[in-house]
């Protein structure tokens, strides 16, 4: 009986791992090591617990360090496949992981829990909303949902009267071209007959044109540069 008890005790030995894996992982295989493996230090290691989505939740030899959320890497030296060079990485490779808090400190112009998206320039200057390229495409009646960055690259949808990448420019009034050329409907500022100051939102009309949107033509311009004939004493 004593021999049997001794054999049972020696059959298995509790694994010894650094800091008992900090309570954030299991030690060895199923938490214990066979006697035949106990002398091999390589077997005395932690297997850290995972997040519900399968990503590692803890790291370090004793599972004492937190991991950060992962996202598709903006840039990486590794390739997932022939047409995929964006493996899942902590902070999407655009930030630093705080191992104490498990939070990403994103590099400039990147945002999100995993630094997974860009930031809109100047927060759209308070004159627009920040949307994904996928959403911006929908607003324009088209589709942009296949590219890998469709929900990652952000851009501004400016309020009416403003334009520019950060919505900081004031639009000038525009309308049909008085000479029936390209005007406001075709994207021309000041009805195609002037220059717009994006700081003031006011038109500076070309010579021979006037009006808040350069919608009128002077008599001299209407006569193609020939002086108008007027009656009067000579």
C-alpha atoms as a PDB file:
ATOM      1  CA  UNK A   1       0.000   0.000   0.000  1.00  0.00           C
ATOM      2  CA  UNK A   2       2.804   2.388   0.882  1.00  0.00           C
ATOM      3  CA  UNK A   3       4.616   1.559  -2.347  1.00  0.00           C
ATOM      4  CA  UNK A   4       1.445   2.308  -4.343  1.00  0.00           C
ATOM      5  CA  UNK A   5       0.945   5.653  -2.562  1.00  0.00           C
ATOM      6  CA  UNK A   6       4.545   6.677  -3.207  1.00  0.00           C
ATOM      7  CA  UNK A   7       4.220   5.775  -6.878  1.00  0.00           C
ATOM      8  CA  UNK A   8       1.081   7.892  -7.143  1.00  0.00           C
ATOM      9  CA  UNK A   9       2.773  10.886  -5.552  1.00  0.00           C
ATOM     10  CA  UNK A  10       5.756  10.650  -7.890  1.00  0.00           C
ATOM     11  CA  UNK A  11       3.639  10.089 -10.959  1.00  0.00           C
ATOM     12  CA  UNK A  12       2.815  13.765 -11.243  1.00  0.00           C
ATOM     13  CA  UNK A  13       4.357  16.912  -9.850  1.00  0.00           C
ATOM     14  CA  UNK A  14       2.715  20.315  -9.790  1.00  0.00           C
ATOM     15  CA  UNK A  15       4.304  22.581 -12.352  1.00  0.00           C
ATOM     16  CA  UNK A  16       6.301  25.541 -11.141  1.00  0.00           C
ATOM     17  CA  UNK A  17       5.908  28.646 -13.298  1.00  0.00           C
ATOM     18  CA  UNK A  18       7.142  32.210 -12.691  1.00  0.00           C
ATOM     19  CA  UNK A  19       4.870  34.083 -10.317  1.00  0.00           C
ATOM     20  CA  UNK A  20       2.293  31.309 -10.755  1.00  0.00           C
ATOM     21  CA  UNK A  21       1.462  32.943 -14.102  1.00  0.00           C
ATOM     22  CA  UNK A  22       0.138  35.944 -12.131  1.00  0.00           C
ATOM     23  CA  UNK A  23      -3.252  34.280 -12.043  1.00  0.00           C
ATOM     24  CA  UNK A  24      -3.639  35.102 -15.753  1.00  0.00           C
ATOM     25  CA  UNK A  25      -2.650  31.783 -17.299  1.00  0.00           C
ATOM     26  CA  UNK A  26      -2.086  28.059 -16.823  1.00  0.00           C
ATOM     27  CA  UNK A  27       1.238  26.453 -16.024  1.00  0.00           C
ATOM     28  CA  UNK A  28       2.598  23.578 -18.070  1.00  0.00           C
ATOM     29  CA  UNK A  29       0.217  21.074 -19.650  1.00  0.00           C
ATOM     30  CA  UNK A  30      -3.177  21.209 -17.965  1.00  0.00           C
ATOM     31  CA  UNK A  31      -1.580  22.938 -15.009  1.00  0.00           C
ATOM     32  CA  UNK A  32       0.841  20.160 -14.110  1.00  0.00           C
ATOM     33  CA  UNK A  33       3.988  18.440 -15.358  1.00  0.00           C
ATOM     34  CA  UNK A  34       4.815  14.773 -15.490  1.00  0.00           C
ATOM     35  CA  UNK A  35       7.755  13.642 -13.380  1.00  0.00           C
ATOM     36  CA  UNK A  36       9.611  12.808 -16.548  1.00  0.00           C
ATOM     37  CA  UNK A  37       9.284  16.436 -17.695  1.00  0.00           C
ATOM     38  CA  UNK A  38       9.853  18.293 -14.456  1.00  0.00           C
ATOM     39  CA  UNK A  39      13.644  18.491 -14.849  1.00  0.00           C
ATOM     40  CA  UNK A  40      13.294  20.281 -18.180  1.00  0.00           C
ATOM     41  CA  UNK A  41      12.968  24.024 -17.475  1.00  0.00           C
ATOM     42  CA  UNK A  42      11.417  24.493 -20.926  1.00  0.00           C
ATOM     43  CA  UNK A  43       8.271  22.816 -19.592  1.00  0.00           C
ATOM     44  CA  UNK A  44       7.920  25.269 -16.731  1.00  0.00           C
ATOM     45  CA  UNK A  45       6.191  27.993 -18.731  1.00  0.00           C
ATOM     46  CA  UNK A  46       2.890  29.813 -18.740  1.00  0.00           C
ATOM     47  CA  UNK A  47       0.131  29.682 -21.310  1.00  0.00           C
ATOM     48  CA  UNK A  48      -1.615  33.036 -20.931  1.00  0.00           C
ATOM     49  CA  UNK A  49      -5.390  33.368 -21.136  1.00  0.00           C
ATOM     50  CA  UNK A  50      -7.124  34.706 -24.260  1.00  0.00           C
ATOM     51  CA  UNK A  51      -9.853  37.252 -24.830  1.00  0.00           C
ATOM     52  CA  UNK A  52     -13.336  36.011 -25.823  1.00  0.00           C
ATOM     53  CA  UNK A  53     -12.442  36.644 -29.492  1.00  0.00           C
ATOM     54  CA  UNK A  54      -9.364  34.418 -29.224  1.00  0.00           C
ATOM     55  CA  UNK A  55      -6.748  37.196 -29.094  1.00  0.00           C
ATOM     56  CA  UNK A  56      -4.199  36.932 -26.248  1.00  0.00           C
ATOM     57  CA  UNK A  57      -5.344  38.850 -23.177  1.00  0.00           C
ATOM     58  CA  UNK A  58      -2.025  38.681 -21.305  1.00  0.00           C
ATOM     59  CA  UNK A  59       1.613  38.319 -22.282  1.00  0.00           C
ATOM     60  CA  UNK A  60       5.044  38.027 -20.719  1.00  0.00           C
ATOM     61  CA  UNK A  61       6.817  35.007 -19.263  1.00  0.00           C
ATOM     62  CA  UNK A  62       4.581  35.208 -16.184  1.00  0.00           C
ATOM     63  CA  UNK A  63       1.444  36.563 -17.931  1.00  0.00           C
ATOM     64  CA  UNK A  64       1.731  39.793 -15.922  1.00  0.00           C
ATOM     65  CA  UNK A  65       1.569  42.166 -18.889  1.00  0.00           C
ATOM     66  CA  UNK A  66      -1.636  43.201 -20.576  1.00  0.00           C
ATOM     67  CA  UNK A  67      -2.049  43.018 -24.323  1.00  0.00           C
ATOM     68  CA  UNK A  68      -3.726  45.731 -26.378  1.00  0.00           C
ATOM     69  CA  UNK A  69      -6.589  45.443 -28.885  1.00  0.00           C
ATOM     70  CA  UNK A  70      -5.585  44.256 -32.341  1.00  0.00           C
ATOM     71  CA  UNK A  71      -6.524  45.541 -35.778  1.00  0.00           C
ATOM     72  CA  UNK A  72      -5.443  45.128 -39.382  1.00  0.00           C
ATOM     73  CA  UNK A  73      -1.947  46.579 -39.563  1.00  0.00           C
ATOM     74  CA  UNK A  74      -1.557  49.771 -41.566  1.00  0.00           C
ATOM     75  CA  UNK A  75       1.937  48.616 -42.445  1.00  0.00           C
ATOM     76  CA  UNK A  76       3.811  45.407 -41.706  1.00  0.00           C
ATOM     77  CA  UNK A  77       6.826  43.397 -42.781  1.00  0.00           C
ATOM     78  CA  UNK A  78       4.693  40.251 -42.658  1.00  0.00           C
ATOM     79  CA  UNK A  79       2.177  39.142 -45.265  1.00  0.00           C
ATOM     80  CA  UNK A  80      -0.937  37.135 -44.470  1.00  0.00           C
ATOM     81  CA  UNK A  81      -1.263  35.953 -48.048  1.00  0.00           C
ATOM     82  CA  UNK A  82      -0.338  37.003 -51.560  1.00  0.00           C
ATOM     83  CA  UNK A  83      -2.959  39.744 -51.634  1.00  0.00           C
ATOM     84  CA  UNK A  84      -3.087  40.563 -47.928  1.00  0.00           C
ATOM     85  CA  UNK A  85      -0.245  42.445 -46.279  1.00  0.00           C
ATOM     86  CA  UNK A  86      -2.276  43.638 -43.297  1.00  0.00           C
ATOM     87  CA  UNK A  87      -2.013  41.027 -40.493  1.00  0.00           C
ATOM     88  CA  UNK A  88      -3.773  41.662 -37.197  1.00  0.00           C
ATOM     89  CA  UNK A  89      -1.381  43.490 -34.902  1.00  0.00           C
ATOM     90  CA  UNK A  90      -1.602  45.253 -31.560  1.00  0.00           C
ATOM     91  CA  UNK A  91      -2.652  48.872 -32.027  1.00  0.00           C
ATOM     92  CA  UNK A  92      -2.721  48.146 -35.786  1.00  0.00           C
ATOM     93  CA  UNK A  93       1.006  48.962 -35.848  1.00  0.00           C
ATOM     94  CA  UNK A  94       0.140  52.639 -35.471  1.00  0.00           C
ATOM     95  CA  UNK A  95       0.485  53.024 -31.733  1.00  0.00           C
ATOM     96  CA  UNK A  96       2.283  51.885 -28.582  1.00  0.00           C
ATOM     97  CA  UNK A  97       0.770  49.427 -26.127  1.00  0.00           C
ATOM     98  CA  UNK A  98       0.660  50.345 -22.443  1.00  0.00           C
ATOM     99  CA  UNK A  99       1.320  46.986 -20.796  1.00  0.00           C
ATOM    100  CA  UNK A 100      -0.044  48.218 -17.457  1.00  0.00           C
ATOM    101  CA  UNK A 101      -3.462  49.323 -18.754  1.00  0.00           C
ATOM    102  CA  UNK A 102      -3.803  47.359 -21.996  1.00  0.00           C
ATOM    103  CA  UNK A 103      -4.615  50.564 -23.874  1.00  0.00           C
ATOM    104  CA  UNK A 104      -3.102  51.859 -27.092  1.00  0.00           C
ATOM    105  CA  UNK A 105      -1.406  55.223 -27.338  1.00  0.00           C
ATOM    106  CA  UNK A 106      -1.971  55.990 -31.009  1.00  0.00           C
ATOM    107  CA  UNK A 107       0.438  57.847 -33.220  1.00  0.00           C
ATOM    108  CA  UNK A 108      -0.545  61.251 -34.584  1.00  0.00           C
ATOM    109  CA  UNK A 109      -3.562  61.202 -36.939  1.00  0.00           C
ATOM    110  CA  UNK A 110      -4.711  57.732 -35.812  1.00  0.00           C
ATOM    111  CA  UNK A 111      -7.575  56.927 -33.465  1.00  0.00           C
ATOM    112  CA  UNK A 112      -9.662  54.107 -32.045  1.00  0.00           C
ATOM    113  CA  UNK A 113      -9.159  51.450 -29.362  1.00  0.00           C
ATOM    114  CA  UNK A 114      -6.768  49.643 -31.720  1.00  0.00           C
ATOM    115  CA  UNK A 115      -5.648  52.747 -33.644  1.00  0.00           C
ATOM    116  CA  UNK A 116      -7.665  51.158 -36.427  1.00  0.00           C
ATOM    117  CA  UNK A 117      -8.800  54.337 -38.161  1.00  0.00           C
ATOM    118  CA  UNK A 118      -7.418  57.673 -39.245  1.00  0.00           C
ATOM    119  CA  UNK A 119      -8.543  60.980 -37.794  1.00  0.00           C
ATOM    120  CA  UNK A 120     -10.263  63.628 -39.852  1.00  0.00           C
ATOM    121  CA  UNK A 121      -8.059  66.709 -40.320  1.00  0.00           C
ATOM    122  CA  UNK A 122      -8.689  69.367 -37.703  1.00  0.00           C
ATOM    123  CA  UNK A 123     -11.837  67.474 -36.678  1.00  0.00           C
ATOM    124  CA  UNK A 124     -13.499  68.976 -39.763  1.00  0.00           C
ATOM    125  CA  UNK A 125     -13.113  72.441 -38.186  1.00  0.00           C
ATOM    126  CA  UNK A 126     -16.466  72.006 -36.462  1.00  0.00           C
ATOM    127  CA  UNK A 127     -18.147  72.508 -39.865  1.00  0.00           C
ATOM    128  CA  UNK A 128     -18.713  68.904 -40.906  1.00  0.00           C
ATOM    129  CA  UNK A 129     -18.867  65.302 -39.778  1.00  0.00           C
ATOM    130  CA  UNK A 130     -16.164  62.632 -39.949  1.00  0.00           C
ATOM    131  CA  UNK A 131     -17.165  59.544 -41.953  1.00  0.00           C
ATOM    132  CA  UNK A 132     -15.516  56.426 -43.337  1.00  0.00           C
ATOM    133  CA  UNK A 133     -14.667  56.252 -47.019  1.00  0.00           C
ATOM    134  CA  UNK A 134     -17.367  53.614 -47.317  1.00  0.00           C
ATOM    135  CA  UNK A 135     -19.987  56.011 -45.939  1.00  0.00           C
ATOM    136  CA  UNK A 136     -18.742  58.934 -48.044  1.00  0.00           C
ATOM    137  CA  UNK A 137     -19.041  56.797 -51.162  1.00  0.00           C
ATOM    138  CA  UNK A 138     -22.661  55.940 -50.325  1.00  0.00           C
ATOM    139  CA  UNK A 139     -23.466  59.651 -50.018  1.00  0.00           C
ATOM    140  CA  UNK A 140     -22.138  60.116 -53.544  1.00  0.00           C
ATOM    141  CA  UNK A 141     -24.206  57.256 -54.890  1.00  0.00           C
ATOM    142  CA  UNK A 142     -21.320  54.842 -55.381  1.00  0.00           C
ATOM    143  CA  UNK A 143     -19.733  51.891 -53.579  1.00  0.00           C
ATOM    144  CA  UNK A 144     -16.400  51.586 -51.772  1.00  0.00           C
ATOM    145  CA  UNK A 145     -16.594  48.528 -49.559  1.00  0.00           C
ATOM    146  CA  UNK A 146     -14.128  46.026 -51.030  1.00  0.00           C
ATOM    147  CA  UNK A 147     -10.788  47.767 -50.253  1.00  0.00           C
ATOM    148  CA  UNK A 148      -9.282  46.820 -46.902  1.00  0.00           C
ATOM    149  CA  UNK A 149      -9.406  50.418 -45.618  1.00  0.00           C
ATOM    150  CA  UNK A 150     -13.076  51.074 -46.474  1.00  0.00           C
ATOM    151  CA  UNK A 151     -13.958  51.364 -42.773  1.00  0.00           C
ATOM    152  CA  UNK A 152     -10.554  52.666 -41.645  1.00  0.00           C
ATOM    153  CA  UNK A 153      -9.713  55.740 -43.723  1.00  0.00           C
ATOM    154  CA  UNK A 154     -11.806  58.718 -42.631  1.00  0.00           C
ATOM    155  CA  UNK A 155     -12.808  61.942 -44.369  1.00  0.00           C
ATOM    156  CA  UNK A 156     -14.951  65.028 -43.790  1.00  0.00           C
ATOM    157  CA  UNK A 157     -18.497  65.576 -45.063  1.00  0.00           C
ATOM    158  CA  UNK A 158     -18.660  69.355 -44.905  1.00  0.00           C
ATOM    159  CA  UNK A 159     -21.700  71.401 -43.979  1.00  0.00           C
ATOM    160  CA  UNK A 160     -23.320  73.420 -46.753  1.00  0.00           C
ATOM    161  CA  UNK A 161     -21.240  76.508 -47.537  1.00  0.00           C
ATOM    162  CA  UNK A 162     -17.883  74.966 -46.611  1.00  0.00           C
ATOM    163  CA  UNK A 163     -15.299  72.836 -48.402  1.00  0.00           C
ATOM    164  CA  UNK A 164     -11.725  71.574 -48.194  1.00  0.00           C
ATOM    165  CA  UNK A 165     -10.190  68.487 -46.588  1.00  0.00           C
ATOM    166  CA  UNK A 166     -10.917  69.966 -43.143  1.00  0.00           C
ATOM    167  CA  UNK A 167     -14.011  72.012 -44.093  1.00  0.00           C
ATOM    168  CA  UNK A 168     -12.137  75.232 -43.284  1.00  0.00           C
ATOM    169  CA  UNK A 169     -12.767  76.955 -46.634  1.00  0.00           C
ATOM    170  CA  UNK A 170     -15.813  79.108 -47.281  1.00  0.00           C
ATOM    171  CA  UNK A 171     -17.601  78.524 -50.543  1.00  0.00           C
ATOM    172  CA  UNK A 172     -18.474  81.405 -52.846  1.00  0.00           C
ATOM    173  CA  UNK A 173     -21.907  81.838 -54.421  1.00  0.00           C
ATOM    174  CA  UNK A 174     -22.194  80.477 -57.940  1.00  0.00           C
ATOM    175  CA  UNK A 175     -24.779  79.944 -60.626  1.00  0.00           C
ATOM    176  CA  UNK A 176     -25.222  79.542 -64.395  1.00  0.00           C
ATOM    177  CA  UNK A 177     -22.554  81.126 -66.606  1.00  0.00           C
ATOM    178  CA  UNK A 178     -23.916  84.264 -68.250  1.00  0.00           C
ATOM    179  CA  UNK A 179     -22.382  83.095 -71.545  1.00  0.00           C
ATOM    180  CA  UNK A 180     -23.869  79.601 -71.133  1.00  0.00           C
ATOM    181  CA  UNK A 181     -20.546  77.929 -70.458  1.00  0.00           C
ATOM    182  CA  UNK A 182     -19.672  75.821 -67.408  1.00  0.00           C
ATOM    183  CA  UNK A 183     -21.044  77.397 -64.250  1.00  0.00           C
ATOM    184  CA  UNK A 184     -21.998  76.412 -60.749  1.00  0.00           C
ATOM    185  CA  UNK A 185     -23.711  73.180 -61.782  1.00  0.00           C
ATOM    186  CA  UNK A 186     -20.410  72.034 -63.283  1.00  0.00           C
ATOM    187  CA  UNK A 187     -18.464  72.882 -60.133  1.00  0.00           C
ATOM    188  CA  UNK A 188     -17.182  76.313 -61.207  1.00  0.00           C
ATOM    189  CA  UNK A 189     -16.846  79.003 -58.544  1.00  0.00           C
ATOM    190  CA  UNK A 190     -18.409  82.419 -59.109  1.00  0.00           C
ATOM    191  CA  UNK A 191     -20.413  81.141 -62.106  1.00  0.00           C
ATOM    192  CA  UNK A 192     -17.160  80.518 -63.923  1.00  0.00           C
ATOM    193  CA  UNK A 193     -16.548  84.281 -64.271  1.00  0.00           C
ATOM    194  CA  UNK A 194     -14.452  85.077 -61.222  1.00  0.00           C
ATOM    195  CA  UNK A 195     -12.112  83.847 -58.493  1.00  0.00           C
ATOM    196  CA  UNK A 196     -13.261  82.766 -55.062  1.00  0.00           C
ATOM    197  CA  UNK A 197     -11.596  83.823 -51.810  1.00  0.00           C
ATOM    198  CA  UNK A 198     -11.978  80.774 -49.584  1.00  0.00           C
ATOM    199  CA  UNK A 199     -11.190  82.914 -46.551  1.00  0.00           C
ATOM    200  CA  UNK A 200     -14.080  85.341 -47.039  1.00  0.00           C
ATOM    201  CA  UNK A 201     -16.375  83.414 -49.361  1.00  0.00           C
ATOM    202  CA  UNK A 202     -16.526  86.403 -51.732  1.00  0.00           C
ATOM    203  CA  UNK A 203     -16.051  86.470 -55.502  1.00  0.00           C
ATOM    204  CA  UNK A 204     -13.575  88.693 -57.344  1.00  0.00           C
ATOM    205  CA  UNK A 205     -15.119  88.887 -60.802  1.00  0.00           C
ATOM    206  CA  UNK A 206     -13.110  88.921 -64.014  1.00  0.00           C
ATOM    207  CA  UNK A 207     -13.063  92.175 -65.988  1.00  0.00           C
ATOM    208  CA  UNK A 208     -16.402  92.763 -67.659  1.00  0.00           C
ATOM    209  CA  UNK A 209     -18.455  90.791 -65.105  1.00  0.00           C
ATOM    210  CA  UNK A 210     -20.084  91.740 -61.820  1.00  0.00           C
ATOM    211  CA  UNK A 211     -22.536  90.608 -59.179  1.00  0.00           C
ATOM    212  CA  UNK A 212     -22.166  88.644 -55.939  1.00  0.00           C
ATOM    213  CA  UNK A 213     -21.678  85.513 -58.025  1.00  0.00           C
ATOM    214  CA  UNK A 214     -20.396  87.263 -61.180  1.00  0.00           C
ATOM    215  CA  UNK A 215     -23.695  86.526 -62.862  1.00  0.00           C
ATOM    216  CA  UNK A 216     -23.899  89.777 -64.855  1.00  0.00           C
ATOM    217  CA  UNK A 217     -21.965  91.086 -67.854  1.00  0.00           C
ATOM    218  CA  UNK A 218     -21.115  94.736 -68.478  1.00  0.00           C
ATOM    219  CA  UNK A 219     -22.096  96.464 -71.717  1.00  0.00           C
ATOM    220  CA  UNK A 220     -18.485  96.727 -72.866  1.00  0.00           C
ATOM    221  CA  UNK A 221     -17.960  92.995 -72.429  1.00  0.00           C
ATOM    222  CA  UNK A 222     -21.301  92.276 -74.088  1.00  0.00           C
ATOM    223  CA  UNK A 223     -20.147  94.206 -77.169  1.00  0.00           C
ATOM    224  CA  UNK A 224     -16.980  92.054 -77.262  1.00  0.00           C
ATOM    225  CA  UNK A 225     -14.746  94.849 -76.174  1.00  0.00           C
ATOM    226  CA  UNK A 226     -16.016  97.470 -78.670  1.00  0.00           C
ATOM    227  CA  UNK A 227     -16.877 100.812 -77.077  1.00  0.00           C
ATOM    228  CA  UNK A 228     -20.593 101.490 -76.942  1.00  0.00           C
ATOM    229  CA  UNK A 229     -21.777 104.334 -79.287  1.00  0.00           C
ATOM    230  CA  UNK A 230     -23.517 107.060 -77.380  1.00  0.00           C
ATOM    231  CA  UNK A 231     -25.156 110.291 -78.571  1.00  0.00           C
ATOM    232  CA  UNK A 232     -24.083 113.642 -77.230  1.00  0.00           C
ATOM    233  CA  UNK A 233     -22.465 116.971 -78.035  1.00  0.00           C
ATOM    234  CA  UNK A 234     -19.081 116.795 -79.742  1.00  0.00           C
END
